[in-house]
Amino acid sequence: MRRPDPHNMADTPGGGDGDGDVSVVTKTRPKTARPPLYKVLLLNDDYTPMEFVVMVLEKFFQIGHSHAVEIMLTVHKKGLAVVGVFSHEIAETKVAQVMDFARRHQHPLQCTMEKEE
């Protein structure tokens, strides 16, 4: 009886007769899509003091005073302004923080978020 030759595919179990198909398995990595980003917007109202809006921008969005004043004036003149772009969870948290803070200080300031396109 002859011993199988490990270097000869025909002699190895499942090696076949040598004229079978040889398959190559390739692994393709799926491209991970970046999560969507969300714009956080402040909306104008006729009651919230401008100083309060500036304080909110500084406190919750870490915006410097002069830039916060510019954004507040944009909100005042145009009706709304984007104050930041974040992942869904962070945007949601910022909106909740601003709304809660405004309510606790009895201001009707509105903050919302929308998906960035």
PDB file of N, CA and C in Angstrom:
ATOM      1  N   MET A   1       0.832  -1.167   0.000  1.00  0.00           N
ATOM      2  CA  MET A   1       0.000   0.000   0.000  1.00  0.00           C
ATOM      3  C   MET A   1       0.886   1.242   0.000  1.00  0.00           C
ATOM      4  N   ARG A   2       0.494   2.226  -0.787  1.00  0.00           N
ATOM      5  CA  ARG A   2       1.262   3.437  -0.944  1.00  0.00           C
ATOM      6  C   ARG A   2       0.766   4.492   0.044  1.00  0.00           C
ATOM      7  N   ARG A   3       1.698   5.267   0.634  1.00  0.00           N
ATOM      8  CA  ARG A   3       1.339   6.365   1.546  1.00  0.00           C
ATOM      9  C   ARG A   3       0.952   7.613   0.739  1.00  0.00           C
ATOM     10  N   PRO A   4       0.001   8.391   1.248  1.00  0.00           N
ATOM     11  CA  PRO A   4      -0.363   9.617   0.535  1.00  0.00           C
ATOM     12  C   PRO A   4       0.792  10.623   0.570  1.00  0.00           C
ATOM     13  N   ASP A   5       1.038  11.280  -0.555  1.00  0.00           N
ATOM     14  CA  ASP A   5       2.069  12.324  -0.639  1.00  0.00           C
ATOM     15  C   ASP A   5       1.394  13.654  -0.304  1.00  0.00           C
ATOM     16  N   PRO A   6       1.802  14.320   0.805  1.00  0.00           N
ATOM     17  CA  PRO A   6       1.139  15.572   1.203  1.00  0.00           C
ATOM     18  C   PRO A   6       1.357  16.694   0.192  1.00  0.00           C
ATOM     19  N   HIS A   7       2.322  16.570  -0.701  1.00  0.00           N
ATOM     20  CA  HIS A   7       2.591  17.616  -1.684  1.00  0.00           C
ATOM     21  C   HIS A   7       1.806  17.408  -2.970  1.00  0.00           C
ATOM     22  N   ASN A   8       1.146  16.287  -3.112  1.00  0.00           N
ATOM     23  CA  ASN A   8       0.380  15.995  -4.312  1.00  0.00           C
ATOM     24  C   ASN A   8      -1.098  16.069  -3.959  1.00  0.00           C
ATOM     25  N   MET A   9      -1.811  17.075  -4.543  1.00  0.00           N
ATOM     26  CA  MET A   9      -3.220  17.281  -4.217  1.00  0.00           C
ATOM     27  C   MET A   9      -4.083  16.062  -4.539  1.00  0.00           C
ATOM     28  N   ALA A  10      -3.724  15.292  -5.538  1.00  0.00           N
ATOM     29  CA  ALA A  10      -4.520  14.129  -5.915  1.00  0.00           C
ATOM     30  C   ALA A  10      -4.480  13.058  -4.837  1.00  0.00           C
ATOM     31  N   ASP A  11      -3.402  13.065  -4.021  1.00  0.00           N
ATOM     32  CA  ASP A  11      -3.268  12.063  -2.976  1.00  0.00           C
ATOM     33  C   ASP A  11      -3.906  12.495  -1.661  1.00  0.00           C
ATOM     34  N   THR A  12      -4.312  13.751  -1.529  1.00  0.00           N
ATOM     35  CA  THR A  12      -4.869  14.207  -0.252  1.00  0.00           C
ATOM     36  C   THR A  12      -6.377  14.043  -0.278  1.00  0.00           C
ATOM     37  N   PRO A  13      -6.993  13.779   0.887  1.00  0.00           N
ATOM     38  CA  PRO A  13      -8.444  13.615   0.928  1.00  0.00           C
ATOM     39  C   PRO A  13      -9.127  14.892   0.448  1.00  0.00           C
ATOM     40  N   GLY A  14     -10.091  14.739  -0.426  1.00  0.00           N
ATOM     41  CA  GLY A  14     -10.822  15.884  -0.946  1.00  0.00           C
ATOM     42  C   GLY A  14     -10.042  16.629  -2.010  1.00  0.00           C
ATOM     43  N   GLY A  15      -8.855  16.171  -2.344  1.00  0.00           N
ATOM     44  CA  GLY A  15      -8.020  16.844  -3.326  1.00  0.00           C
ATOM     45  C   GLY A  15      -8.491  16.621  -4.736  1.00  0.00           C
ATOM     46  N   GLY A  16      -9.288  15.604  -4.951  1.00  0.00           N
ATOM     47  CA  GLY A  16      -9.827  15.346  -6.277  1.00  0.00           C
ATOM     48  C   GLY A  16      -8.789  14.761  -7.201  1.00  0.00           C
ATOM     49  N   ASP A  17      -9.118  14.811  -8.482  1.00  0.00           N
ATOM     50  CA  ASP A  17      -8.238  14.209  -9.466  1.00  0.00           C
ATOM     51  C   ASP A  17      -7.332  15.235 -10.145  1.00  0.00           C
ATOM     52  N   GLY A  18      -7.295  16.479  -9.604  1.00  0.00           N
ATOM     53  CA  GLY A  18      -6.384  17.472 -10.133  1.00  0.00           C
ATOM     54  C   GLY A  18      -6.987  18.348 -11.205  1.00  0.00           C
ATOM     55  N   ASP A  19      -8.127  17.981 -11.817  1.00  0.00           N
ATOM     56  CA  ASP A  19      -8.689  18.840 -12.850  1.00  0.00           C
ATOM     57  C   ASP A  19      -9.994  19.500 -12.369  1.00  0.00           C
ATOM     58  N   GLY A  20     -10.182  19.580 -11.032  1.00  0.00           N
ATOM     59  CA  GLY A  20     -11.347  20.252 -10.463  1.00  0.00           C
ATOM     60  C   GLY A  20     -11.115  21.754 -10.361  1.00  0.00           C
ATOM     61  N   ASP A  21     -12.169  22.471 -10.034  1.00  0.00           N
ATOM     62  CA  ASP A  21     -12.065  23.925  -9.877  1.00  0.00           C
ATOM     63  C   ASP A  21     -11.350  24.264  -8.585  1.00  0.00           C
ATOM     64  N   VAL A  22     -10.549  25.292  -8.652  1.00  0.00           N
ATOM     65  CA  VAL A  22      -9.892  25.820  -7.457  1.00  0.00           C
ATOM     66  C   VAL A  22     -10.578  27.140  -7.139  1.00  0.00           C
ATOM     67  N   SER A  23     -11.179  27.238  -5.963  1.00  0.00           N
ATOM     68  CA  SER A  23     -11.883  28.451  -5.581  1.00  0.00           C
ATOM     69  C   SER A  23     -10.999  29.294  -4.689  1.00  0.00           C
ATOM     70  N   VAL A  24     -11.042  30.601  -4.914  1.00  0.00           N
ATOM     71  CA  VAL A  24     -10.314  31.543  -4.072  1.00  0.00           C
ATOM     72  C   VAL A  24     -11.353  32.345  -3.310  1.00  0.00           C
ATOM     73  N   VAL A  25     -11.249  32.315  -2.007  1.00  0.00           N
ATOM     74  CA  VAL A  25     -12.180  33.057  -1.179  1.00  0.00           C
ATOM     75  C   VAL A  25     -11.553  34.401  -0.875  1.00  0.00           C
ATOM     76  N   THR A  26     -12.260  35.446  -1.233  1.00  0.00           N
ATOM     77  CA  THR A  26     -11.767  36.789  -0.918  1.00  0.00           C
ATOM     78  C   THR A  26     -12.714  37.424   0.068  1.00  0.00           C
ATOM     79  N   LYS A  27     -12.155  38.136   1.000  1.00  0.00           N
ATOM     80  CA  LYS A  27     -12.972  38.847   1.976  1.00  0.00           C
ATOM     81  C   LYS A  27     -13.043  40.306   1.551  1.00  0.00           C
ATOM     82  N   THR A  28     -14.256  40.783   1.396  1.00  0.00           N
ATOM     83  CA  THR A  28     -14.431  42.196   1.096  1.00  0.00           C
ATOM     84  C   THR A  28     -14.999  42.855   2.337  1.00  0.00           C
ATOM     85  N   ARG A  29     -14.398  43.947   2.684  1.00  0.00           N
ATOM     86  CA  ARG A  29     -14.878  44.681   3.847  1.00  0.00           C
ATOM     87  C   ARG A  29     -15.923  45.678   3.393  1.00  0.00           C
ATOM     88  N   PRO A  30     -17.087  45.612   3.996  1.00  0.00           N
ATOM     89  CA  PRO A  30     -18.092  46.602   3.619  1.00  0.00           C
ATOM     90  C   PRO A  30     -17.652  47.983   4.099  1.00  0.00           C
ATOM     91  N   LYS A  31     -17.887  48.973   3.269  1.00  0.00           N
ATOM     92  CA  LYS A  31     -17.530  50.325   3.673  1.00  0.00           C
ATOM     93  C   LYS A  31     -18.541  50.782   4.717  1.00  0.00           C
ATOM     94  N   THR A  32     -18.020  51.248   5.816  1.00  0.00           N
ATOM     95  CA  THR A  32     -18.877  51.729   6.882  1.00  0.00           C
ATOM     96  C   THR A  32     -19.301  53.152   6.560  1.00  0.00           C
ATOM     97  N   ALA A  33     -20.579  53.348   6.465  1.00  0.00           N
ATOM     98  CA  ALA A  33     -21.090  54.689   6.172  1.00  0.00           C
ATOM     99  C   ALA A  33     -20.971  55.545   7.419  1.00  0.00           C
ATOM    100  N   ARG A  34     -20.604  56.785   7.203  1.00  0.00           N
ATOM    101  CA  ARG A  34     -20.536  57.710   8.335  1.00  0.00           C
ATOM    102  C   ARG A  34     -21.955  57.978   8.820  1.00  0.00           C
ATOM    103  N   PRO A  35     -22.107  58.099  10.134  1.00  0.00           N
ATOM    104  CA  PRO A  35     -23.453  58.377  10.638  1.00  0.00           C
ATOM    105  C   PRO A  35     -23.899  59.763  10.193  1.00  0.00           C
ATOM    106  N   PRO A  36     -25.187  59.934   9.990  1.00  0.00           N
ATOM    107  CA  PRO A  36     -25.664  61.252   9.561  1.00  0.00           C
ATOM    108  C   PRO A  36     -25.437  62.294  10.644  1.00  0.00           C
ATOM    109  N   LEU A  37     -25.255  63.525  10.222  1.00  0.00           N
ATOM    110  CA  LEU A  37     -25.063  64.627  11.158  1.00  0.00           C
ATOM    111  C   LEU A  37     -26.343  65.449  11.226  1.00  0.00           C
ATOM    112  N   TYR A  38     -26.508  66.139  12.344  1.00  0.00           N
ATOM    113  CA  TYR A  38     -27.709  66.923  12.590  1.00  0.00           C
ATOM    114  C   TYR A  38     -27.344  68.342  12.968  1.00  0.00           C
ATOM    115  N   LYS A  39     -28.066  69.292  12.361  1.00  0.00           N
ATOM    116  CA  LYS A  39     -27.880  70.705  12.674  1.00  0.00           C
ATOM    117  C   LYS A  39     -28.750  71.037  13.877  1.00  0.00           C
ATOM    118  N   VAL A  40     -28.169  71.780  14.816  1.00  0.00           N
ATOM    119  CA  VAL A  40     -28.937  72.288  15.947  1.00  0.00           C
ATOM    120  C   VAL A  40     -29.239  73.748  15.639  1.00  0.00           C
ATOM    121  N   LEU A  41     -30.527  74.094  15.726  1.00  0.00           N
ATOM    122  CA  LEU A  41     -30.976  75.442  15.366  1.00  0.00           C
ATOM    123  C   LEU A  41     -31.611  76.141  16.559  1.00  0.00           C
ATOM    124  N   LEU A  42     -31.340  77.432  16.669  1.00  0.00           N
ATOM    125  CA  LEU A  42     -32.053  78.271  17.632  1.00  0.00           C
ATOM    126  C   LEU A  42     -33.074  79.080  16.847  1.00  0.00           C
ATOM    127  N   LEU A  43     -34.282  79.195  17.401  1.00  0.00           N
ATOM    128  CA  LEU A  43     -35.356  79.921  16.744  1.00  0.00           C
ATOM    129  C   LEU A  43     -35.637  81.222  17.483  1.00  0.00           C
ATOM    130  N   ASN A  44     -35.968  82.245  16.734  1.00  0.00           N
ATOM    131  CA  ASN A  44     -36.243  83.555  17.318  1.00  0.00           C
ATOM    132  C   ASN A  44     -37.625  83.575  17.965  1.00  0.00           C
ATOM    133  N   ASP A  45     -37.727  84.356  19.013  1.00  0.00           N
ATOM    134  CA  ASP A  45     -39.027  84.670  19.609  1.00  0.00           C
ATOM    135  C   ASP A  45     -38.954  86.132  20.058  1.00  0.00           C
ATOM    136  N   ASP A  46     -40.078  86.675  20.429  1.00  0.00           N
ATOM    137  CA  ASP A  46     -40.119  88.090  20.796  1.00  0.00           C
ATOM    138  C   ASP A  46     -39.951  88.336  22.288  1.00  0.00           C
ATOM    139  N   TYR A  47     -39.640  87.300  23.057  1.00  0.00           N
ATOM    140  CA  TYR A  47     -39.621  87.458  24.506  1.00  0.00           C
ATOM    141  C   TYR A  47     -38.290  87.124  25.167  1.00  0.00           C
ATOM    142  N   THR A  48     -37.548  86.190  24.638  1.00  0.00           N
ATOM    143  CA  THR A  48     -36.285  85.784  25.263  1.00  0.00           C
ATOM    144  C   THR A  48     -35.257  86.904  25.096  1.00  0.00           C
ATOM    145  N   PRO A  49     -34.670  87.351  26.213  1.00  0.00           N
ATOM    146  CA  PRO A  49     -33.671  88.427  26.123  1.00  0.00           C
ATOM    147  C   PRO A  49     -32.440  87.987  25.320  1.00  0.00           C
ATOM    148  N   MET A  50     -31.888  88.922  24.589  1.00  0.00           N
ATOM    149  CA  MET A  50     -30.714  88.645  23.771  1.00  0.00           C
ATOM    150  C   MET A  50     -29.546  88.159  24.627  1.00  0.00           C
ATOM    151  N   GLU A  51     -29.413  88.709  25.814  1.00  0.00           N
ATOM    152  CA  GLU A  51     -28.322  88.312  26.715  1.00  0.00           C
ATOM    153  C   GLU A  51     -28.447  86.849  27.119  1.00  0.00           C
ATOM    154  N   PHE A  52     -29.689  86.392  27.280  1.00  0.00           N
ATOM    155  CA  PHE A  52     -29.912  84.991  27.640  1.00  0.00           C
ATOM    156  C   PHE A  52     -29.484  84.074  26.497  1.00  0.00           C
ATOM    157  N   VAL A  53     -29.801  84.460  25.268  1.00  0.00           N
ATOM    158  CA  VAL A  53     -29.421  83.654  24.099  1.00  0.00           C
ATOM    159  C   VAL A  53     -27.895  83.573  24.007  1.00  0.00           C
ATOM    160  N   VAL A  54     -27.224  84.686  24.231  1.00  0.00           N
ATOM    161  CA  VAL A  54     -25.754  84.696  24.212  1.00  0.00           C
ATOM    162  C   VAL A  54     -25.220  83.752  25.292  1.00  0.00           C
ATOM    163  N   MET A  55     -25.806  83.816  26.476  1.00  0.00           N
ATOM    164  CA  MET A  55     -25.371  82.939  27.568  1.00  0.00           C
ATOM    165  C   MET A  55     -25.565  81.461  27.195  1.00  0.00           C
ATOM    166  N   VAL A  56     -26.685  81.127  26.565  1.00  0.00           N
ATOM    167  CA  VAL A  56     -26.953  79.742  26.137  1.00  0.00           C
ATOM    168  C   VAL A  56     -25.887  79.283  25.142  1.00  0.00           C
ATOM    169  N   LEU A  57     -25.569  80.127  24.188  1.00  0.00           N
ATOM    170  CA  LEU A  57     -24.565  79.775  23.172  1.00  0.00           C
ATOM    171  C   LEU A  57     -23.195  79.547  23.806  1.00  0.00           C
ATOM    172  N   GLU A  58     -22.848  80.368  24.765  1.00  0.00           N
ATOM    173  CA  GLU A  58     -21.558  80.214  25.448  1.00  0.00           C
ATOM    174  C   GLU A  58     -21.552  78.958  26.323  1.00  0.00           C
ATOM    175  N   LYS A  59     -22.629  78.749  27.049  1.00  0.00           N
ATOM    176  CA  LYS A  59     -22.692  77.654  28.029  1.00  0.00           C
ATOM    177  C   LYS A  59     -22.809  76.271  27.383  1.00  0.00           C
ATOM    178  N   PHE A  60     -23.686  76.114  26.404  1.00  0.00           N
ATOM    179  CA  PHE A  60     -23.974  74.789  25.861  1.00  0.00           C
ATOM    180  C   PHE A  60     -23.237  74.458  24.560  1.00  0.00           C
ATOM    181  N   PHE A  61     -22.727  75.497  23.900  1.00  0.00           N
ATOM    182  CA  PHE A  61     -22.054  75.256  22.620  1.00  0.00           C
ATOM    183  C   PHE A  61     -20.597  75.709  22.632  1.00  0.00           C
ATOM    184  N   GLN A  62     -20.126  76.164  23.767  1.00  0.00           N
ATOM    185  CA  GLN A  62     -18.742  76.607  23.952  1.00  0.00           C
ATOM    186  C   GLN A  62     -18.318  77.598  22.870  1.00  0.00           C
ATOM    187  N   ILE A  63     -19.198  78.545  22.605  1.00  0.00           N
ATOM    188  CA  ILE A  63     -18.926  79.573  21.601  1.00  0.00           C
ATOM    189  C   ILE A  63     -18.443  80.821  22.325  1.00  0.00           C
ATOM    190  N   GLY A  64     -17.396  81.438  21.801  1.00  0.00           N
ATOM    191  CA  GLY A  64     -16.861  82.671  22.390  1.00  0.00           C
ATOM    192  C   GLY A  64     -17.888  83.787  22.355  1.00  0.00           C
ATOM    193  N   HIS A  65     -17.692  84.768  23.222  1.00  0.00           N
ATOM    194  CA  HIS A  65     -18.682  85.830  23.397  1.00  0.00           C
ATOM    195  C   HIS A  65     -18.992  86.587  22.099  1.00  0.00           C
ATOM    196  N   SER A  66     -17.970  87.023  21.379  1.00  0.00           N
ATOM    197  CA  SER A  66     -18.225  87.830  20.170  1.00  0.00           C
ATOM    198  C   SER A  66     -18.941  86.994  19.096  1.00  0.00           C
ATOM    199  N   HIS A  67     -18.566  85.738  18.946  1.00  0.00           N
ATOM    200  CA  HIS A  67     -19.243  84.870  17.976  1.00  0.00           C
ATOM    201  C   HIS A  67     -20.670  84.573  18.437  1.00  0.00           C
ATOM    202  N   ALA A  68     -20.866  84.411  19.744  1.00  0.00           N
ATOM    203  CA  ALA A  68     -22.214  84.173  20.279  1.00  0.00           C
ATOM    204  C   ALA A  68     -23.120  85.370  19.999  1.00  0.00           C
ATOM    205  N   VAL A  69     -22.570  86.580  20.112  1.00  0.00           N
ATOM    206  CA  VAL A  69     -23.359  87.783  19.808  1.00  0.00           C
ATOM    207  C   VAL A  69     -23.741  87.793  18.325  1.00  0.00           C
ATOM    208  N   GLU A  70     -22.807  87.428  17.452  1.00  0.00           N
ATOM    209  CA  GLU A  70     -23.098  87.371  16.015  1.00  0.00           C
ATOM    210  C   GLU A  70     -24.223  86.379  15.722  1.00  0.00           C
ATOM    211  N   ILE A  71     -24.143  85.190  16.327  1.00  0.00           N
ATOM    212  CA  ILE A  71     -25.175  84.172  16.101  1.00  0.00           C
ATOM    213  C   ILE A  71     -26.519  84.645  16.640  1.00  0.00           C
ATOM    214  N   MET A  72     -26.501  85.256  17.820  1.00  0.00           N
ATOM    215  CA  MET A  72     -27.744  85.772  18.408  1.00  0.00           C
ATOM    216  C   MET A  72     -28.382  86.800  17.488  1.00  0.00           C
ATOM    217  N   LEU A  73     -27.562  87.676  16.891  1.00  0.00           N
ATOM    218  CA  LEU A  73     -28.103  88.684  15.974  1.00  0.00           C
ATOM    219  C   LEU A  73     -28.659  88.034  14.704  1.00  0.00           C
ATOM    220  N   THR A  74     -28.031  86.962  14.247  1.00  0.00           N
ATOM    221  CA  THR A  74     -28.552  86.225  13.093  1.00  0.00           C
ATOM    222  C   THR A  74     -29.916  85.628  13.426  1.00  0.00           C
ATOM    223  N   VAL A  75     -30.032  85.044  14.608  1.00  0.00           N
ATOM    224  CA  VAL A  75     -31.320  84.489  15.051  1.00  0.00           C
ATOM    225  C   VAL A  75     -32.357  85.603  15.099  1.00  0.00           C
ATOM    226  N   HIS A  76     -31.972  86.734  15.647  1.00  0.00           N
ATOM    227  CA  HIS A  76     -32.894  87.866  15.797  1.00  0.00           C
ATOM    228  C   HIS A  76     -33.352  88.407  14.439  1.00  0.00           C
ATOM    229  N   LYS A  77     -32.423  88.525  13.499  1.00  0.00           N
ATOM    230  CA  LYS A  77     -32.745  89.134  12.198  1.00  0.00           C
ATOM    231  C   LYS A  77     -33.363  88.154  11.206  1.00  0.00           C
ATOM    232  N   LYS A  78     -32.889  86.915  11.191  1.00  0.00           N
ATOM    233  CA  LYS A  78     -33.351  85.957  10.185  1.00  0.00           C
ATOM    234  C   LYS A  78     -34.376  84.958  10.700  1.00  0.00           C
ATOM    235  N   GLY A  79     -34.573  84.912  12.008  1.00  0.00           N
ATOM    236  CA  GLY A  79     -35.578  84.009  12.568  1.00  0.00           C
ATOM    237  C   GLY A  79     -35.010  82.701  13.092  1.00  0.00           C
ATOM    238  N   LEU A  80     -33.832  82.332  12.623  1.00  0.00           N
ATOM    239  CA  LEU A  80     -33.174  81.117  13.129  1.00  0.00           C
ATOM    240  C   LEU A  80     -31.722  81.128  12.699  1.00  0.00           C
ATOM    241  N   ALA A  81     -30.937  80.287  13.354  1.00  0.00           N
ATOM    242  CA  ALA A  81     -29.528  80.122  12.988  1.00  0.00           C
ATOM    243  C   ALA A  81     -29.057  78.740  13.416  1.00  0.00           C
ATOM    244  N   VAL A  82     -28.150  78.192  12.625  1.00  0.00           N
ATOM    245  CA  VAL A  82     -27.503  76.929  12.983  1.00  0.00           C
ATOM    246  C   VAL A  82     -26.424  77.265  14.015  1.00  0.00           C
ATOM    247  N   VAL A  83     -26.474  76.562  15.141  1.00  0.00           N
ATOM    248  CA  VAL A  83     -25.487  76.832  16.193  1.00  0.00           C
ATOM    249  C   VAL A  83     -24.461  75.720  16.328  1.00  0.00           C
ATOM    250  N   GLY A  84     -24.657  74.623  15.583  1.00  0.00           N
ATOM    251  CA  GLY A  84     -23.685  73.539  15.604  1.00  0.00           C
ATOM    252  C   GLY A  84     -24.195  72.355  14.808  1.00  0.00           C
ATOM    253  N   VAL A  85     -23.258  71.476  14.449  1.00  0.00           N
ATOM    254  CA  VAL A  85     -23.589  70.253  13.713  1.00  0.00           C
ATOM    255  C   VAL A  85     -22.973  69.089  14.476  1.00  0.00           C
ATOM    256  N   PHE A  86     -23.803  68.107  14.824  1.00  0.00           N
ATOM    257  CA  PHE A  86     -23.380  67.035  15.708  1.00  0.00           C
ATOM    258  C   PHE A  86     -23.970  65.693  15.269  1.00  0.00           C
ATOM    259  N   SER A  87     -23.487  64.626  15.901  1.00  0.00           N
ATOM    260  CA  SER A  87     -24.125  63.324  15.729  1.00  0.00           C
ATOM    261  C   SER A  87     -25.526  63.405  16.335  1.00  0.00           C
ATOM    262  N   HIS A  88     -26.362  62.436  16.001  1.00  0.00           N
ATOM    263  CA  HIS A  88     -27.753  62.459  16.469  1.00  0.00           C
ATOM    264  C   HIS A  88     -27.847  62.563  17.990  1.00  0.00           C
ATOM    265  N   GLU A  89     -27.091  61.733  18.690  1.00  0.00           N
ATOM    266  CA  GLU A  89     -27.189  61.697  20.150  1.00  0.00           C
ATOM    267  C   GLU A  89     -26.752  63.015  20.782  1.00  0.00           C
ATOM    268  N   ILE A  90     -25.679  63.584  20.275  1.00  0.00           N
ATOM    269  CA  ILE A  90     -25.184  64.841  20.847  1.00  0.00           C
ATOM    270  C   ILE A  90     -26.150  65.977  20.527  1.00  0.00           C
ATOM    271  N   ALA A  91     -26.650  66.028  19.295  1.00  0.00           N
ATOM    272  CA  ALA A  91     -27.610  67.069  18.917  1.00  0.00           C
ATOM    273  C   ALA A  91     -28.863  66.977  19.783  1.00  0.00           C
ATOM    274  N   GLU A  92     -29.346  65.769  19.974  1.00  0.00           N
ATOM    275  CA  GLU A  92     -30.538  65.552  20.800  1.00  0.00           C
ATOM    276  C   GLU A  92     -30.304  66.027  22.234  1.00  0.00           C
ATOM    277  N   THR A  93     -29.142  65.729  22.759  1.00  0.00           N
ATOM    278  CA  THR A  93     -28.796  66.144  24.123  1.00  0.00           C
ATOM    279  C   THR A  93     -28.722  67.663  24.225  1.00  0.00           C
ATOM    280  N   LYS A  94     -28.073  68.304  23.254  1.00  0.00           N
ATOM    281  CA  LYS A  94     -27.946  69.772  23.268  1.00  0.00           C
ATOM    282  C   LYS A  94     -29.322  70.426  23.219  1.00  0.00           C
ATOM    283  N   VAL A  95     -30.195  69.932  22.342  1.00  0.00           N
ATOM    284  CA  VAL A  95     -31.549  70.490  22.240  1.00  0.00           C
ATOM    285  C   VAL A  95     -32.268  70.360  23.581  1.00  0.00           C
ATOM    286  N   ALA A  96     -32.189  69.191  24.187  1.00  0.00           N
ATOM    287  CA  ALA A  96     -32.864  68.967  25.477  1.00  0.00           C
ATOM    288  C   ALA A  96     -32.293  69.887  26.562  1.00  0.00           C
ATOM    289  N   GLN A  97     -30.972  70.049  26.598  1.00  0.00           N
ATOM    290  CA  GLN A  97     -30.340  70.915  27.601  1.00  0.00           C
ATOM    291  C   GLN A  97     -30.803  72.366  27.450  1.00  0.00           C
ATOM    292  N   VAL A  98     -30.793  72.848  26.199  1.00  0.00           N
ATOM    293  CA  VAL A  98     -31.186  74.237  25.954  1.00  0.00           C
ATOM    294  C   VAL A  98     -32.656  74.446  26.312  1.00  0.00           C
ATOM    295  N   MET A  99     -33.507  73.527  25.883  1.00  0.00           N
ATOM    296  CA  MET A  99     -34.939  73.668  26.167  1.00  0.00           C
ATOM    297  C   MET A  99     -35.218  73.629  27.668  1.00  0.00           C
ATOM    298  N   ASP A 100     -34.555  72.716  28.365  1.00  0.00           N
ATOM    299  CA  ASP A 100     -34.731  72.612  29.817  1.00  0.00           C
ATOM    300  C   ASP A 100     -34.244  73.879  30.518  1.00  0.00           C
ATOM    301  N   PHE A 101     -33.076  74.363  30.111  1.00  0.00           N
ATOM    302  CA  PHE A 101     -32.499  75.569  30.713  1.00  0.00           C
ATOM    303  C   PHE A 101     -33.411  76.780  30.475  1.00  0.00           C
ATOM    304  N   ALA A 102     -33.936  76.911  29.264  1.00  0.00           N
ATOM    305  CA  ALA A 102     -34.836  78.033  28.951  1.00  0.00           C
ATOM    306  C   ALA A 102     -36.121  77.946  29.775  1.00  0.00           C
ATOM    307  N   ARG A 103     -36.675  76.738  29.890  1.00  0.00           N
ATOM    308  CA  ARG A 103     -37.902  76.556  30.686  1.00  0.00           C
ATOM    309  C   ARG A 103     -37.674  76.910  32.151  1.00  0.00           C
ATOM    310  N   ARG A 104     -36.526  76.436  32.686  1.00  0.00           N
ATOM    311  CA  ARG A 104     -36.229  76.720  34.094  1.00  0.00           C
ATOM    312  C   ARG A 104     -36.071  78.221  34.353  1.00  0.00           C
ATOM    313  N   HIS A 105     -35.656  78.959  33.325  1.00  0.00           N
ATOM    314  CA  HIS A 105     -35.516  80.414  33.462  1.00  0.00           C
ATOM    315  C   HIS A 105     -36.721  81.158  32.904  1.00  0.00           C
ATOM    316  N   GLN A 106     -37.773  80.421  32.630  1.00  0.00           N
ATOM    317  CA  GLN A 106     -39.062  80.954  32.178  1.00  0.00           C
ATOM    318  C   GLN A 106     -38.949  81.775  30.888  1.00  0.00           C
ATOM    319  N   HIS A 107     -38.171  81.236  29.929  1.00  0.00           N
ATOM    320  CA  HIS A 107     -38.056  81.860  28.615  1.00  0.00           C
ATOM    321  C   HIS A 107     -38.605  80.891  27.569  1.00  0.00           C
ATOM    322  N   PRO A 108     -39.259  81.423  26.548  1.00  0.00           N
ATOM    323  CA  PRO A 108     -39.841  80.552  25.515  1.00  0.00           C
ATOM    324  C   PRO A 108     -38.857  80.181  24.389  1.00  0.00           C
ATOM    325  N   LEU A 109     -37.579  80.313  24.622  1.00  0.00           N
ATOM    326  CA  LEU A 109     -36.577  80.014  23.601  1.00  0.00           C
ATOM    327  C   LEU A 109     -36.779  78.603  23.063  1.00  0.00           C
ATOM    328  N   GLN A 110     -36.754  78.485  21.746  1.00  0.00           N
ATOM    329  CA  GLN A 110     -36.924  77.184  21.103  1.00  0.00           C
ATOM    330  C   GLN A 110     -35.627  76.760  20.429  1.00  0.00           C
ATOM    331  N   CYS A 111     -35.309  75.493  20.595  1.00  0.00           N
ATOM    332  CA  CYS A 111     -34.125  74.901  19.990  1.00  0.00           C
ATOM    333  C   CYS A 111     -34.581  73.602  19.341  1.00  0.00           C
ATOM    334  N   THR A 112     -34.107  73.351  18.143  1.00  0.00           N
ATOM    335  CA  THR A 112     -34.526  72.163  17.416  1.00  0.00           C
ATOM    336  C   THR A 112     -33.337  71.593  16.645  1.00  0.00           C
ATOM    337  N   MET A 113     -33.559  70.438  16.030  1.00  0.00           N
ATOM    338  CA  MET A 113     -32.510  69.812  15.231  1.00  0.00           C
ATOM    339  C   MET A 113     -33.107  69.272  13.952  1.00  0.00           C
ATOM    340  N   GLU A 114     -32.282  69.234  12.917  1.00  0.00           N
ATOM    341  CA  GLU A 114     -32.709  68.621  11.661  1.00  0.00           C
ATOM    342  C   GLU A 114     -31.521  67.962  11.001  1.00  0.00           C
ATOM    343  N   LYS A 115     -31.816  66.923  10.245  1.00  0.00           N
ATOM    344  CA  LYS A 115     -30.769  66.152   9.583  1.00  0.00           C
ATOM    345  C   LYS A 115     -30.067  67.013   8.544  1.00  0.00           C
ATOM    346  N   GLU A 116     -28.747  66.960   8.554  1.00  0.00           N
ATOM    347  CA  GLU A 116     -27.976  67.722   7.578  1.00  0.00           C
ATOM    348  C   GLU A 116     -28.030  67.002   6.237  1.00  0.00           C
ATOM    349  N   GLU A 117     -28.175  67.750   5.176  1.00  0.00           N
ATOM    350  CA  GLU A 117     -28.262  67.146   3.837  1.00  0.00           C
ATOM    351  C   GLU A 117     -26.995  67.346   3.071  1.00  0.00           C
TER     352      GLU A 117
END
